[in-house]
Amino acid sequence: MTVSSEHGGSRIGGSILVVGAETEEFAPALQVLDSLADTTLVPADEALVTLARLDADVLVVDERDRALLADAAVLRPALVRIVLRSADGVANGLDADTVVVPRPIDTAALRAVCTVALRCATARRQARDLESQNHRLRGVGLEATSFTPDELDELDCYEGILTQTAGMRRVLSLLRKVEGNDTTVLIHGETGTGKELVAQAIHARSRAPRGRFVAVNLGAVSDELRESELFGHVRGAFPGATENRAGLFVEANGGCIFLDEVGDASPALQVALLRVLEEGVITPVGSDRPRRVDVRVIAGTNRNLDELVHQGVFRRDLYYRLNVFPLELPPLRHRPDDVFPLAKHFLAQASFAMGRKPPEISREARVALEAYHWEGNVRERNGGPTVQDRNRASDGADTAAKTSGAAAGGAFLALIAALVGAMAAARSSKRALTEEFHFSRTNQKATGRPAETKESSRTDDSLHSPA
């Protein structure tokens, strides 16, 4: 649950995750925390899953749930971890980076620690934004600038978007500029770069984050059904329309709709979209009664709309209405420093979801991950294997590398799984060769004859054995 607050004006900003139950003892602490930042309260069994998707700056846990701290540090290395501990509590298992606040809860001490932690997190974000702006103003290509983990000590996380490269940090900086408003955003990027994830992040930081988020890929809907899908239809509007249908704009009323592959919109649909953006009005197919809707529109495309405008394929006035706040997402192959951290994060996330400890990624697997071209970006096609399929992945890294998970990160998991299988096979071959070598050396010393293999020895023995 997310705790509501009326202290928005004096907030520092950021996010706090509290693990526990909404008890009478916790109530004053929750009010204090929510006066500082967005505060989310979850039970212990949901903590890691929530932390994997939440851009939290501070984690507060009761001493009985301190086992979560080690896993939390894996997911969020820069997270400030606070333990609420009674005077007779056990201090074992707490590292030097964990802050202890005594129980009964000292709200003044809790406020002081969280205030410092949130201000530090804000300062880090501002420093990164300034670094990106400095490179841009100096004319240095953002994609050529690499921030190493040693320099940053953490991944930058914004509503589930993970990065440590300058190009994506610039995107996050731009996203922060549209927080709290309803500006129309146009997201450019190749297939699989995360346009829908970015759209969800924009909605999560909008003025109406509790409203519905509805996504539709216009390229996946036939021309005949696009207007009906978006604006609805009345009964009898066309063959098969046996009942009234509201449409996705009505479903997203009070929230946000994401129109992916908007460059595929037909001329008639472009006119209807323009009317929505200008007047906030839709007309269901087959109806003469317009309906007013309050929907924020975010569009995505992997095509050059400016070029389509010059070709006369896309309406210029619609392009201007959509292109109010443009964002360009770099492909994953231009973000090599993000590949390993993302792979490690997705592997940890999948492991925690299955109730397991995340395994380490070997040096060989890391080299293979970073050497791969990632033509399909974070999402490569559909229907790839997951971690559960790793035992069937030893047929070769190439097959797994070309097939990705349906969810974001599936490609990483598939390739990791294949690499695990391939390296297991390699280790098996290495052991066999080692045994062969030792057998040959031992046989040579014993007989004084040139070294022979196990196979040749078995063949020789069979020739000399009695019938």
Foldseek 3Di string as FASTA:
>chain_A
DKDDADLVVQELEFEEEEEDDPDPLCVVLNHLVVNHYTYHYDYLLCVLLCLLQGRHQEYEYEPVSCVCVVLSCLSWVNHQYEYEEEPPGDPPPDDPRYHYAYPVGDSVVVNVVVVVSSVVVVVLLVVLLVVLVVCVVVVHDQLVDFDACVNNVGWRDQSNDTARGRQVSNVVVLLVVLFAEQAFEEEEEDAQLCLVSSVLSSQCRYVQVVFDEAEDEPVVDDLVCPLCQAQWAADPLDPPRNHTDGHDQVNRFSGEYEYEACLPHAPVVLVQVLCCLVPQWHAHRPGPDIDHGDYRYYYYHHDDVVVCVVVVGHPPSSCCSNHRDYHYRDAVLSRLSVQVVLLSSVQCSVQVVVVHHRDDQDPVLSVVRSPDNPPNGQAQDEDADALVCLVVQCPALVVLCNHAYRDGNRNSRSNSSNVVNVVVVVVVVVVVVVVQVVQQVVVCVVPVDHGDGPVVVVVVCVVPDDD
